[in-house]
Each structure stands twice: as structure tokens, then as C-alpha cells.
Amino acid sequence: MTTLHPGSILLGSTRPAELRDWYRKALAPDQDGDGAIDLGGFLLVIDHRDDIASTNPEPGRMMLNFHVDDFAAVEAQLQAAGVQWLAPGEDRPAGRFGTFVDPDGNYLQIIQFTQHP
């Protein structure tokens, strides 16, 4: 059997330009343009959708997680970008976790595992 490897995720929004700008500022400040955002080989595609609400009514259903080697540095980058923290950095048995929210209400996390899974 073949194990599938994710290559991209589509994030629908009623205001894709604003959301794309936010993601670039917070996660990929060196990228520009209207296309997909390259997050280390995993593409984030943000597109306009008419069949969704302006904010996510169940943001905890699925979270985009970023595994990091230097939690403090990434946390500082996100704070400088002005992200809204749902749960600031906290130590858990598996490592250090922080949860933040995009302008559409979707949850994202940064995680520095004590041991990589």
C-alpha cells in the first residue's frame, strides 16, 4: 500500500485577499503575490468561497500544526505579526504548545515536541 503525503490544503474564505495577507505576514513574510503560500514544501491555497460563513463556527475541529525547533523564536515572530493567541505557549508532557487564531477564526498551533513523533 502507498502512504499518501499531503501536498496542499485549501482554505476557503469570504475575504481571501485579507486572509492571504495575514498568513504571509505571520507565517511566510518573505513571500508575496496572489498564489499559494509555500510553507516548507506544503502549499496553503486560499480561495474565495460563497458557500461558507465569514468565520469558522467550529474552529477546534481541525487545526494546522507547525512543528518548530525554536519555540521562542517562532513565538516572537508571530507576536511581531500581531497574531491573536487563544492559548499562549505552555509546557505539556509532549512539549511546548501555543495556539493562535487567524482572521476567519481558524485555529493554528506551534509545537516544539520534547521528542519528535
PDB file of N, CA and C in Angstrom:
ATOM      1  N   MET A   1       0.828  -1.189   0.000  1.00  0.00           N
ATOM      2  CA  MET A   1       0.000   0.000   0.000  1.00  0.00           C
ATOM      3  C   MET A   1       0.873   1.253   0.000  1.00  0.00           C
ATOM      4  N   THR A   2       0.363   2.287  -0.610  1.00  0.00           N
ATOM      5  CA  THR A   2       1.065   3.554  -0.675  1.00  0.00           C
ATOM      6  C   THR A   2       0.553   4.497   0.406  1.00  0.00           C
ATOM      7  N   THR A   3       1.455   5.085   1.155  1.00  0.00           N
ATOM      8  CA  THR A   3       1.085   6.109   2.122  1.00  0.00           C
ATOM      9  C   THR A   3       1.043   7.442   1.397  1.00  0.00           C
ATOM     10  N   LEU A   4      -0.084   8.113   1.489  1.00  0.00           N
ATOM     11  CA  LEU A   4      -0.226   9.412   0.829  1.00  0.00           C
ATOM     12  C   LEU A   4       0.433  10.499   1.660  1.00  0.00           C
ATOM     13  N   HIS A   5       1.047  11.457   0.997  1.00  0.00           N
ATOM     14  CA  HIS A   5       1.701  12.578   1.660  1.00  0.00           C
ATOM     15  C   HIS A   5       0.980  13.854   1.252  1.00  0.00           C
ATOM     16  N   PRO A   6       0.490  14.624   2.226  1.00  0.00           N
ATOM     17  CA  PRO A   6      -0.227  15.846   1.868  1.00  0.00           C
ATOM     18  C   PRO A   6       0.697  16.838   1.166  1.00  0.00           C
ATOM     19  N   GLY A   7       0.155  17.495   0.163  1.00  0.00           N
ATOM     20  CA  GLY A   7       0.928  18.482  -0.589  1.00  0.00           C
ATOM     21  C   GLY A   7       0.399  19.892  -0.435  1.00  0.00           C
ATOM     22  N   SER A   8      -0.914  19.994  -0.166  1.00  0.00           N
ATOM     23  CA  SER A   8      -1.506  21.320  -0.006  1.00  0.00           C
ATOM     24  C   SER A   8      -2.813  21.207   0.762  1.00  0.00           C
ATOM     25  N   ILE A   9      -3.282  22.350   1.213  1.00  0.00           N
ATOM     26  CA  ILE A   9      -4.590  22.446   1.844  1.00  0.00           C
ATOM     27  C   ILE A   9      -5.274  23.681   1.275  1.00  0.00           C
ATOM     28  N   LEU A  10      -6.567  23.557   1.014  1.00  0.00           N
ATOM     29  CA  LEU A  10      -7.364  24.681   0.534  1.00  0.00           C
ATOM     30  C   LEU A  10      -8.082  25.282   1.724  1.00  0.00           C
ATOM     31  N   LEU A  11      -7.902  26.557   1.911  1.00  0.00           N
ATOM     32  CA  LEU A  11      -8.575  27.290   2.975  1.00  0.00           C
ATOM     33  C   LEU A  11      -9.545  28.256   2.321  1.00  0.00           C
ATOM     34  N   GLY A  12     -10.835  27.972   2.430  1.00  0.00           N
ATOM     35  CA  GLY A  12     -11.854  28.830   1.847  1.00  0.00           C
ATOM     36  C   GLY A  12     -12.122  30.023   2.743  1.00  0.00           C
ATOM     37  N   SER A  13     -12.423  31.163   2.126  1.00  0.00           N
ATOM     38  CA  SER A  13     -12.680  32.380   2.879  1.00  0.00           C
ATOM     39  C   SER A  13     -13.616  33.289   2.094  1.00  0.00           C
ATOM     40  N   THR A  14     -14.366  34.091   2.820  1.00  0.00           N
ATOM     41  CA  THR A  14     -15.191  35.108   2.160  1.00  0.00           C
ATOM     42  C   THR A  14     -14.361  36.349   1.855  1.00  0.00           C
ATOM     43  N   ARG A  15     -13.161  36.409   2.389  1.00  0.00           N
ATOM     44  CA  ARG A  15     -12.243  37.533   2.157  1.00  0.00           C
ATOM     45  C   ARG A  15     -10.816  37.002   1.977  1.00  0.00           C
ATOM     46  N   PRO A  16     -10.573  36.332   0.861  1.00  0.00           N
ATOM     47  CA  PRO A  16      -9.294  35.649   0.666  1.00  0.00           C
ATOM     48  C   PRO A  16      -8.082  36.569   0.618  1.00  0.00           C
ATOM     49  N   ALA A  17      -8.196  37.766   0.063  1.00  0.00           N
ATOM     50  CA  ALA A  17      -7.028  38.654  -0.024  1.00  0.00           C
ATOM     51  C   ALA A  17      -6.554  39.053   1.372  1.00  0.00           C
ATOM     52  N   GLU A  18      -7.490  39.395   2.239  1.00  0.00           N
ATOM     53  CA  GLU A  18      -7.139  39.767   3.614  1.00  0.00           C
ATOM     54  C   GLU A  18      -6.516  38.587   4.353  1.00  0.00           C
ATOM     55  N   LEU A  19      -7.120  37.410   4.181  1.00  0.00           N
ATOM     56  CA  LEU A  19      -6.601  36.229   4.862  1.00  0.00           C
ATOM     57  C   LEU A  19      -5.211  35.859   4.337  1.00  0.00           C
ATOM     58  N   ARG A  20      -5.016  35.928   3.019  1.00  0.00           N
ATOM     59  CA  ARG A  20      -3.711  35.625   2.421  1.00  0.00           C
ATOM     60  C   ARG A  20      -2.648  36.588   2.955  1.00  0.00           C
ATOM     61  N   ASP A  21      -2.989  37.867   3.054  1.00  0.00           N
ATOM     62  CA  ASP A  21      -2.041  38.848   3.598  1.00  0.00           C
ATOM     63  C   ASP A  21      -1.661  38.506   5.040  1.00  0.00           C
ATOM     64  N   TRP A  22      -2.654  38.112   5.833  1.00  0.00           N
ATOM     65  CA  TRP A  22      -2.390  37.767   7.229  1.00  0.00           C
ATOM     66  C   TRP A  22      -1.451  36.566   7.313  1.00  0.00           C
ATOM     67  N   TYR A  23      -1.737  35.520   6.524  1.00  0.00           N
ATOM     68  CA  TYR A  23      -0.893  34.314   6.555  1.00  0.00           C
ATOM     69  C   TYR A  23       0.530  34.622   6.097  1.00  0.00           C
ATOM     70  N   ARG A  24       0.652  35.436   5.082  1.00  0.00           N
ATOM     71  CA  ARG A  24       2.008  35.789   4.623  1.00  0.00           C
ATOM     72  C   ARG A  24       2.747  36.563   5.706  1.00  0.00           C
ATOM     73  N   LYS A  25       2.095  37.540   6.320  1.00  0.00           N
ATOM     74  CA  LYS A  25       2.737  38.342   7.364  1.00  0.00           C
ATOM     75  C   LYS A  25       3.149  37.470   8.546  1.00  0.00           C
ATOM     76  N   ALA A  26       2.273  36.567   8.963  1.00  0.00           N
ATOM     77  CA  ALA A  26       2.534  35.760  10.146  1.00  0.00           C
ATOM     78  C   ALA A  26       3.468  34.584   9.891  1.00  0.00           C
ATOM     79  N   LEU A  27       3.306  33.912   8.741  1.00  0.00           N
ATOM     80  CA  LEU A  27       3.995  32.637   8.544  1.00  0.00           C
ATOM     81  C   LEU A  27       5.050  32.626   7.446  1.00  0.00           C
ATOM     82  N   ALA A  28       4.933  33.520   6.478  1.00  0.00           N
ATOM     83  CA  ALA A  28       5.863  33.494   5.341  1.00  0.00           C
ATOM     84  C   ALA A  28       6.151  34.914   4.864  1.00  0.00           C
ATOM     85  N   PRO A  29       6.775  35.735   5.709  1.00  0.00           N
ATOM     86  CA  PRO A  29       6.967  37.146   5.360  1.00  0.00           C
ATOM     87  C   PRO A  29       7.850  37.391   4.139  1.00  0.00           C
ATOM     88  N   ASP A  30       8.586  36.384   3.702  1.00  0.00           N
ATOM     89  CA  ASP A  30       9.458  36.559   2.541  1.00  0.00           C
ATOM     90  C   ASP A  30       8.747  36.241   1.224  1.00  0.00           C
ATOM     91  N   GLN A  31       7.478  35.862   1.276  1.00  0.00           N
ATOM     92  CA  GLN A  31       6.732  35.524   0.065  1.00  0.00           C
ATOM     93  C   GLN A  31       5.731  36.625  -0.270  1.00  0.00           C
ATOM     94  N   ASP A  32       5.476  36.787  -1.565  1.00  0.00           N
ATOM     95  CA  ASP A  32       4.483  37.776  -1.986  1.00  0.00           C
ATOM     96  C   ASP A  32       3.691  37.221  -3.159  1.00  0.00           C
ATOM     97  N   GLY A  33       2.727  37.974  -3.621  1.00  0.00           N
ATOM     98  CA  GLY A  33       1.916  37.546  -4.748  1.00  0.00           C
ATOM     99  C   GLY A  33       0.581  36.984  -4.313  1.00  0.00           C
ATOM    100  N   ASP A  34      -0.201  36.566  -5.296  1.00  0.00           N
ATOM    101  CA  ASP A  34      -1.549  36.081  -5.040  1.00  0.00           C
ATOM    102  C   ASP A  34      -1.671  34.563  -5.063  1.00  0.00           C
ATOM    103  N   GLY A  35      -0.602  33.865  -5.305  1.00  0.00           N
ATOM    104  CA  GLY A  35      -0.672  32.414  -5.419  1.00  0.00           C
ATOM    105  C   GLY A  35      -0.612  31.711  -4.082  1.00  0.00           C
ATOM    106  N   ALA A  36      -0.382  30.415  -4.144  1.00  0.00           N
ATOM    107  CA  ALA A  36      -0.267  29.594  -2.944  1.00  0.00           C
ATOM    108  C   ALA A  36       0.918  30.051  -2.097  1.00  0.00           C
ATOM    109  N   ILE A  37       0.800  29.841  -0.807  1.00  0.00           N
ATOM    110  CA  ILE A  37       1.871  30.162   0.132  1.00  0.00           C
ATOM    111  C   ILE A  37       2.623  28.873   0.430  1.00  0.00           C
ATOM    112  N   ASP A  38       3.916  28.877   0.164  1.00  0.00           N
ATOM    113  CA  ASP A  38       4.739  27.695   0.379  1.00  0.00           C
ATOM    114  C   ASP A  38       5.201  27.667   1.835  1.00  0.00           C
ATOM    115  N   LEU A  39       4.711  26.677   2.563  1.00  0.00           N
ATOM    116  CA  LEU A  39       5.073  26.515   3.969  1.00  0.00           C
ATOM    117  C   LEU A  39       6.022  25.319   4.094  1.00  0.00           C
ATOM    118  N   GLY A  40       7.213  25.495   3.563  1.00  0.00           N
ATOM    119  CA  GLY A  40       8.219  24.437   3.636  1.00  0.00           C
ATOM    120  C   GLY A  40       7.895  23.231   2.780  1.00  0.00           C
ATOM    121  N   GLY A  41       7.351  23.451   1.594  1.00  0.00           N
ATOM    122  CA  GLY A  41       7.006  22.365   0.700  1.00  0.00           C
ATOM    123  C   GLY A  41       5.549  21.939   0.785  1.00  0.00           C
ATOM    124  N   PHE A  42       4.829  22.435   1.760  1.00  0.00           N
ATOM    125  CA  PHE A  42       3.392  22.198   1.907  1.00  0.00           C
ATOM    126  C   PHE A  42       2.704  23.498   1.517  1.00  0.00           C
ATOM    127  N   LEU A  43       1.814  23.425   0.527  1.00  0.00           N
ATOM    128  CA  LEU A  43       1.204  24.641  -0.006  1.00  0.00           C
ATOM    129  C   LEU A  43      -0.113  24.972   0.684  1.00  0.00           C
ATOM    130  N   LEU A  44      -0.268  26.232   1.038  1.00  0.00           N
ATOM    131  CA  LEU A  44      -1.516  26.760   1.574  1.00  0.00           C
ATOM    132  C   LEU A  44      -2.177  27.554   0.461  1.00  0.00           C
ATOM    133  N   VAL A  45      -3.322  27.074  -0.010  1.00  0.00           N
ATOM    134  CA  VAL A  45      -4.073  27.722  -1.079  1.00  0.00           C
ATOM    135  C   VAL A  45      -5.284  28.390  -0.431  1.00  0.00           C
ATOM    136  N   ILE A  46      -5.421  29.684  -0.614  1.00  0.00           N
ATOM    137  CA  ILE A  46      -6.547  30.427  -0.049  1.00  0.00           C
ATOM    138  C   ILE A  46      -7.398  30.911  -1.205  1.00  0.00           C
ATOM    139  N   ASP A  47      -8.685  30.571  -1.155  1.00  0.00           N
ATOM    140  CA  ASP A  47      -9.568  30.870  -2.276  1.00  0.00           C
ATOM    141  C   ASP A  47     -10.909  31.384  -1.770  1.00  0.00           C
ATOM    142  N   HIS A  48     -11.566  32.175  -2.594  1.00  0.00           N
ATOM    143  CA  HIS A  48     -12.883  32.712  -2.256  1.00  0.00           C
ATOM    144  C   HIS A  48     -13.934  31.614  -2.336  1.00  0.00           C
ATOM    145  N   ARG A  49     -14.814  31.585  -1.334  1.00  0.00           N
ATOM    146  CA  ARG A  49     -15.926  30.636  -1.322  1.00  0.00           C
ATOM    147  C   ARG A  49     -17.193  31.387  -0.947  1.00  0.00           C
ATOM    148  N   ASP A  50     -18.288  31.075  -1.649  1.00  0.00           N
ATOM    149  CA  ASP A  50     -19.592  31.670  -1.353  1.00  0.00           C
ATOM    150  C   ASP A  50     -20.450  30.772  -0.464  1.00  0.00           C
ATOM    151  N   ASP A  51     -20.000  29.542  -0.232  1.00  0.00           N
ATOM    152  CA  ASP A  51     -20.814  28.579   0.494  1.00  0.00           C
ATOM    153  C   ASP A  51     -20.395  28.395   1.954  1.00  0.00           C
ATOM    154  N   ILE A  52     -19.693  29.390   2.509  1.00  0.00           N
ATOM    155  CA  ILE A  52     -19.224  29.305   3.890  1.00  0.00           C
ATOM    156  C   ILE A  52     -19.561  30.590   4.635  1.00  0.00           C
ATOM    157  N   ALA A  53     -19.533  30.509   5.959  1.00  0.00           N
ATOM    158  CA  ALA A  53     -19.733  31.688   6.800  1.00  0.00           C
ATOM    159  C   ALA A  53     -18.457  32.518   6.810  1.00  0.00           C
ATOM    160  N   SER A  54     -18.567  33.748   7.249  1.00  0.00           N
ATOM    161  CA  SER A  54     -17.393  34.622   7.267  1.00  0.00           C
ATOM    162  C   SER A  54     -16.389  34.221   8.340  1.00  0.00           C
ATOM    163  N   THR A  55     -16.847  33.521   9.375  1.00  0.00           N
ATOM    164  CA  THR A  55     -15.927  32.977  10.378  1.00  0.00           C
ATOM    165  C   THR A  55     -16.263  31.509  10.604  1.00  0.00           C
ATOM    166  N   ASN A  56     -15.282  30.761  11.045  1.00  0.00           N
ATOM    167  CA  ASN A  56     -15.417  29.331  11.253  1.00  0.00           C
ATOM    168  C   ASN A  56     -16.234  29.069  12.525  1.00  0.00           C
ATOM    169  N   PRO A  57     -17.397  28.413  12.404  1.00  0.00           N
ATOM    170  CA  PRO A  57     -18.215  28.166  13.589  1.00  0.00           C
ATOM    171  C   PRO A  57     -17.677  27.058  14.500  1.00  0.00           C
ATOM    172  N   GLU A  58     -16.777  26.223  14.011  1.00  0.00           N
ATOM    173  CA  GLU A  58     -16.197  25.135  14.798  1.00  0.00           C
ATOM    174  C   GLU A  58     -14.681  25.079  14.594  1.00  0.00           C
ATOM    175  N   PRO A  59     -13.967  26.100  15.055  1.00  0.00           N
ATOM    176  CA  PRO A  59     -12.535  26.192  14.753  1.00  0.00           C
ATOM    177  C   PRO A  59     -11.676  25.103  15.380  1.00  0.00           C
ATOM    178  N   GLY A  60     -12.175  24.427  16.394  1.00  0.00           N
ATOM    179  CA  GLY A  60     -11.378  23.372  17.012  1.00  0.00           C
ATOM    180  C   GLY A  60     -11.457  22.039  16.298  1.00  0.00           C
ATOM    181  N   ARG A  61     -12.298  21.960  15.256  1.00  0.00           N
ATOM    182  CA  ARG A  61     -12.472  20.686  14.554  1.00  0.00           C
ATOM    183  C   ARG A  61     -11.193  20.241  13.852  1.00  0.00           C
ATOM    184  N   MET A  62     -10.463  21.170  13.276  1.00  0.00           N
ATOM    185  CA  MET A  62      -9.217  20.836  12.593  1.00  0.00           C
ATOM    186  C   MET A  62      -8.240  21.998  12.768  1.00  0.00           C
ATOM    187  N   MET A  63      -7.035  21.694  13.192  1.00  0.00           N
ATOM    188  CA  MET A  63      -6.020  22.724  13.380  1.00  0.00           C
ATOM    189  C   MET A  63      -4.810  22.422  12.507  1.00  0.00           C
ATOM    190  N   LEU A  64      -4.236  23.472  11.967  1.00  0.00           N
ATOM    191  CA  LEU A  64      -2.996  23.346  11.219  1.00  0.00           C
ATOM    192  C   LEU A  64      -1.858  23.515  12.221  1.00  0.00           C
ATOM    193  N   ASN A  65      -1.035  22.477  12.364  1.00  0.00           N
ATOM    194  CA  ASN A  65       0.056  22.488  13.337  1.00  0.00           C
ATOM    195  C   ASN A  65       1.394  22.700  12.644  1.00  0.00           C
ATOM    196  N   PHE A  66       2.227  23.511  13.268  1.00  0.00           N
ATOM    197  CA  PHE A  66       3.575  23.767  12.785  1.00  0.00           C
ATOM    198  C   PHE A  66       4.546  23.248  13.826  1.00  0.00           C
ATOM    199  N   HIS A  67       5.339  22.258  13.450  1.00  0.00           N
ATOM    200  CA  HIS A  67       6.343  21.706  14.348  1.00  0.00           C
ATOM    201  C   HIS A  67       7.596  22.570  14.216  1.00  0.00           C
ATOM    202  N   VAL A  68       8.069  23.088  15.332  1.00  0.00           N
ATOM    203  CA  VAL A  68       9.189  24.026  15.309  1.00  0.00           C
ATOM    204  C   VAL A  68      10.315  23.517  16.192  1.00  0.00           C
ATOM    205  N   ASP A  69      11.533  23.961  15.872  1.00  0.00           N
ATOM    206  CA  ASP A  69      12.702  23.606  16.667  1.00  0.00           C
ATOM    207  C   ASP A  69      13.040  24.677  17.701  1.00  0.00           C
ATOM    208  N   ASP A  70      12.572  25.907  17.474  1.00  0.00           N
ATOM    209  CA  ASP A  70      12.851  27.016  18.392  1.00  0.00           C
ATOM    210  C   ASP A  70      11.546  27.752  18.680  1.00  0.00           C
ATOM    211  N   PHE A  71      10.829  27.262  19.681  1.00  0.00           N
ATOM    212  CA  PHE A  71       9.511  27.797  20.010  1.00  0.00           C
ATOM    213  C   PHE A  71       9.579  29.298  20.275  1.00  0.00           C
ATOM    214  N   ALA A  72      10.534  29.727  21.070  1.00  0.00           N
ATOM    215  CA  ALA A  72      10.624  31.139  21.452  1.00  0.00           C
ATOM    216  C   ALA A  72      10.800  32.041  20.233  1.00  0.00           C
ATOM    217  N   ALA A  73      11.609  31.632  19.276  1.00  0.00           N
ATOM    218  CA  ALA A  73      11.837  32.453  18.081  1.00  0.00           C
ATOM    219  C   ALA A  73      10.570  32.548  17.235  1.00  0.00           C
ATOM    220  N   VAL A  74       9.868  31.442  17.052  1.00  0.00           N
ATOM    221  CA  VAL A  74       8.643  31.463  16.255  1.00  0.00           C
ATOM    222  C   VAL A  74       7.556  32.229  16.988  1.00  0.00           C
ATOM    223  N   GLU A  75       7.474  32.055  18.282  1.00  0.00           N
ATOM    224  CA  GLU A  75       6.507  32.802  19.090  1.00  0.00           C
ATOM    225  C   GLU A  75       6.749  34.311  18.956  1.00  0.00           C
ATOM    226  N   ALA A  76       8.005  34.733  18.984  1.00  0.00           N
ATOM    227  CA  ALA A  76       8.345  36.149  18.819  1.00  0.00           C
ATOM    228  C   ALA A  76       7.962  36.647  17.426  1.00  0.00           C
ATOM    229  N   GLN A  77       8.188  35.838  16.388  1.00  0.00           N
ATOM    230  CA  GLN A  77       7.806  36.211  15.024  1.00  0.00           C
ATOM    231  C   GLN A  77       6.290  36.414  14.936  1.00  0.00           C
ATOM    232  N   LEU A  78       5.544  35.509  15.538  1.00  0.00           N
ATOM    233  CA  LEU A  78       4.090  35.605  15.499  1.00  0.00           C
ATOM    234  C   LEU A  78       3.588  36.805  16.303  1.00  0.00           C
ATOM    235  N   GLN A  79       4.198  37.049  17.442  1.00  0.00           N
ATOM    236  CA  GLN A  79       3.814  38.215  18.235  1.00  0.00           C
ATOM    237  C   GLN A  79       4.106  39.508  17.476  1.00  0.00           C
ATOM    238  N   ALA A  80       5.227  39.564  16.791  1.00  0.00           N
ATOM    239  CA  ALA A  80       5.574  40.744  15.997  1.00  0.00           C
ATOM    240  C   ALA A  80       4.576  40.951  14.860  1.00  0.00           C
ATOM    241  N   ALA A  81       4.005  39.852  14.351  1.00  0.00           N
ATOM    242  CA  ALA A  81       2.995  39.938  13.295  1.00  0.00           C
ATOM    243  C   ALA A  81       1.621  40.298  13.854  1.00  0.00           C
ATOM    244  N   GLY A  82       1.496  40.309  15.178  1.00  0.00           N
ATOM    245  CA  GLY A  82       0.247  40.712  15.816  1.00  0.00           C
ATOM    246  C   GLY A  82      -0.820  39.639  15.888  1.00  0.00           C
ATOM    247  N   VAL A  83      -0.419  38.354  15.926  1.00  0.00           N
ATOM    248  CA  VAL A  83      -1.439  37.306  15.989  1.00  0.00           C
ATOM    249  C   VAL A  83      -2.187  37.365  17.313  1.00  0.00           C
ATOM    250  N   GLN A  84      -3.407  36.864  17.283  1.00  0.00           N
ATOM    251  CA  GLN A  84      -4.235  36.743  18.485  1.00  0.00           C
ATOM    252  C   GLN A  84      -4.016  35.349  19.062  1.00  0.00           C
ATOM    253  N   TRP A  85      -3.568  35.280  20.296  1.00  0.00           N
ATOM    254  CA  TRP A  85      -3.303  33.997  20.937  1.00  0.00           C
ATOM    255  C   TRP A  85      -4.568  33.486  21.611  1.00  0.00           C
ATOM    256  N   LEU A  86      -4.931  32.267  21.319  1.00  0.00           N
ATOM    257  CA  LEU A  86      -6.016  31.600  22.017  1.00  0.00           C
ATOM    258  C   LEU A  86      -5.455  30.977  23.295  1.00  0.00           C
ATOM    259  N   ALA A  87      -4.303  30.347  23.166  1.00  0.00           N
ATOM    260  CA  ALA A  87      -3.600  29.741  24.298  1.00  0.00           C
ATOM    261  C   ALA A  87      -2.112  30.016  24.106  1.00  0.00           C
ATOM    262  N   PRO A  88      -1.563  30.970  24.857  1.00  0.00           N
ATOM    263  CA  PRO A  88      -0.132  31.265  24.727  1.00  0.00           C
ATOM    264  C   PRO A  88       0.708  30.025  25.048  1.00  0.00           C
ATOM    265  N   GLY A  89       1.969  30.104  24.729  1.00  0.00           N
ATOM    266  CA  GLY A  89       2.863  28.970  24.928  1.00  0.00           C
ATOM    267  C   GLY A  89       2.746  28.358  26.309  1.00  0.00           C
ATOM    268  N   GLU A  90       2.608  27.044  26.320  1.00  0.00           N
ATOM    269  CA  GLU A  90       2.540  26.330  27.595  1.00  0.00           C
ATOM    270  C   GLU A  90       3.238  24.987  27.453  1.00  0.00           C
ATOM    271  N   ASP A  91       3.865  24.569  28.541  1.00  0.00           N
ATOM    272  CA  ASP A  91       4.536  23.279  28.554  1.00  0.00           C
ATOM    273  C   ASP A  91       3.528  22.185  28.862  1.00  0.00           C
ATOM    274  N   ARG A  92       3.605  21.113  28.084  1.00  0.00           N
ATOM    275  CA  ARG A  92       2.784  19.918  28.274  1.00  0.00           C
ATOM    276  C   ARG A  92       3.739  18.735  28.295  1.00  0.00           C
ATOM    277  N   PRO A  93       3.258  17.571  28.691  1.00  0.00           N
ATOM    278  CA  PRO A  93       4.170  16.414  28.732  1.00  0.00           C
ATOM    279  C   PRO A  93       4.874  16.137  27.404  1.00  0.00           C
ATOM    280  N   ALA A  94       4.214  16.392  26.279  1.00  0.00           N
ATOM    281  CA  ALA A  94       4.818  16.100  24.970  1.00  0.00           C
ATOM    282  C   ALA A  94       5.707  17.214  24.442  1.00  0.00           C
ATOM    283  N   GLY A  95       5.646  18.404  25.053  1.00  0.00           N
ATOM    284  CA  GLY A  95       6.443  19.524  24.573  1.00  0.00           C
ATOM    285  C   GLY A  95       5.794  20.857  24.889  1.00  0.00           C
ATOM    286  N   ARG A  96       6.128  21.870  24.098  1.00  0.00           N
ATOM    287  CA  ARG A  96       5.592  23.223  24.296  1.00  0.00           C
ATOM    288  C   ARG A  96       4.613  23.528  23.158  1.00  0.00           C
ATOM    289  N   PHE A  97       3.420  24.009  23.508  1.00  0.00           N
ATOM    290  CA  PHE A  97       2.341  24.253  22.563  1.00  0.00           C
ATOM    291  C   PHE A  97       1.845  25.684  22.704  1.00  0.00           C
ATOM    292  N   GLY A  98       1.461  26.291  21.588  1.00  0.00           N
ATOM    293  CA  GLY A  98       0.809  27.591  21.580  1.00  0.00           C
ATOM    294  C   GLY A  98      -0.222  27.603  20.466  1.00  0.00           C
ATOM    295  N   THR A  99      -1.418  28.119  20.765  1.00  0.00           N
ATOM    296  CA  THR A  99      -2.496  28.141  19.789  1.00  0.00           C
ATOM    297  C   THR A  99      -2.882  29.579  19.480  1.00  0.00           C
ATOM    298  N   PHE A 100      -2.969  29.898  18.178  1.00  0.00           N
ATOM    299  CA  PHE A 100      -3.350  31.242  17.752  1.00  0.00           C
ATOM    300  C   PHE A 100      -4.465  31.150  16.723  1.00  0.00           C
ATOM    301  N   VAL A 101      -5.050  32.309  16.395  1.00  0.00           N
ATOM    302  CA  VAL A 101      -6.267  32.350  15.590  1.00  0.00           C
ATOM    303  C   VAL A 101      -6.062  33.263  14.389  1.00  0.00           C
ATOM    304  N   ASP A 102      -6.514  32.799  13.206  1.00  0.00           N
ATOM    305  CA  ASP A 102      -6.438  33.661  12.019  1.00  0.00           C
ATOM    306  C   ASP A 102      -7.679  34.567  11.953  1.00  0.00           C
ATOM    307  N   PRO A 103      -7.731  35.535  11.041  1.00  0.00           N
ATOM    308  CA  PRO A 103      -8.858  36.464  10.978  1.00  0.00           C
ATOM    309  C   PRO A 103     -10.220  35.824  10.693  1.00  0.00           C
ATOM    310  N   ASP A 104     -10.240  34.605  10.141  1.00  0.00           N
ATOM    311  CA  ASP A 104     -11.500  33.900   9.904  1.00  0.00           C
ATOM    312  C   ASP A 104     -11.891  33.009  11.083  1.00  0.00           C
ATOM    313  N   GLY A 105     -11.084  33.029  12.136  1.00  0.00           N
ATOM    314  CA  GLY A 105     -11.399  32.249  13.330  1.00  0.00           C
ATOM    315  C   GLY A 105     -10.837  30.845  13.359  1.00  0.00           C
ATOM    316  N   ASN A 106     -10.014  30.469  12.378  1.00  0.00           N
ATOM    317  CA  ASN A 106      -9.395  29.141  12.357  1.00  0.00           C
ATOM    318  C   ASN A 106      -8.258  29.083  13.371  1.00  0.00           C
ATOM    319  N   TYR A 107      -8.110  27.930  14.016  1.00  0.00           N
ATOM    320  CA  TYR A 107      -7.042  27.740  14.986  1.00  0.00           C
ATOM    321  C   TYR A 107      -5.804  27.153  14.314  1.00  0.00           C
ATOM    322  N   LEU A 108      -4.644  27.626  14.760  1.00  0.00           N
ATOM    323  CA  LEU A 108      -3.354  27.107  14.330  1.00  0.00           C
ATOM    324  C   LEU A 108      -2.496  26.903  15.573  1.00  0.00           C
ATOM    325  N   GLN A 109      -1.543  25.992  15.494  1.00  0.00           N
ATOM    326  CA  GLN A 109      -0.671  25.752  16.635  1.00  0.00           C
ATOM    327  C   GLN A 109       0.783  25.714  16.216  1.00  0.00           C
ATOM    328  N   ILE A 110       1.633  26.164  17.122  1.00  0.00           N
ATOM    329  CA  ILE A 110       3.061  25.881  17.016  1.00  0.00           C
ATOM    330  C   ILE A 110       3.379  24.891  18.136  1.00  0.00           C
ATOM    331  N   ILE A 111       4.207  23.929  17.797  1.00  0.00           N
ATOM    332  CA  ILE A 111       4.540  22.865  18.742  1.00  0.00           C
ATOM    333  C   ILE A 111       6.035  22.581  18.674  1.00  0.00           C
ATOM    334  N   GLN A 112       6.665  22.579  19.821  1.00  0.00           N
ATOM    335  CA  GLN A 112       8.033  22.088  19.904  1.00  0.00           C
ATOM    336  C   GLN A 112       7.979  20.842  20.774  1.00  0.00           C
ATOM    337  N   PHE A 113       8.028  19.688  20.117  1.00  0.00           N
ATOM    338  CA  PHE A 113       7.967  18.426  20.829  1.00  0.00           C
ATOM    339  C   PHE A 113       9.251  18.204  21.615  1.00  0.00           C
ATOM    340  N   THR A 114       9.127  17.548  22.770  1.00  0.00           N
ATOM    341  CA  THR A 114      10.325  17.185  23.537  1.00  0.00           C
ATOM    342  C   THR A 114      11.071  16.080  22.798  1.00  0.00           C
ATOM    343  N   GLN A 115      10.312  15.186  22.145  1.00  0.00           N
ATOM    344  CA  GLN A 115      10.871  14.170  21.249  1.00  0.00           C
ATOM    345  C   GLN A 115      10.010  14.183  20.006  1.00  0.00           C
ATOM    346  N   HIS A 116      10.631  14.263  18.840  1.00  0.00           N
ATOM    347  CA  HIS A 116       9.851  14.326  17.611  1.00  0.00           C
ATOM    348  C   HIS A 116       9.084  13.021  17.416  1.00  0.00           C
ATOM    349  N   PRO A 117       7.800  13.151  17.064  1.00  0.00           N
ATOM    350  CA  PRO A 117       6.973  11.950  16.884  1.00  0.00           C
ATOM    351  C   PRO A 117       7.396  11.141  15.681  1.00  0.00           C
TER     352      PRO A 117
END
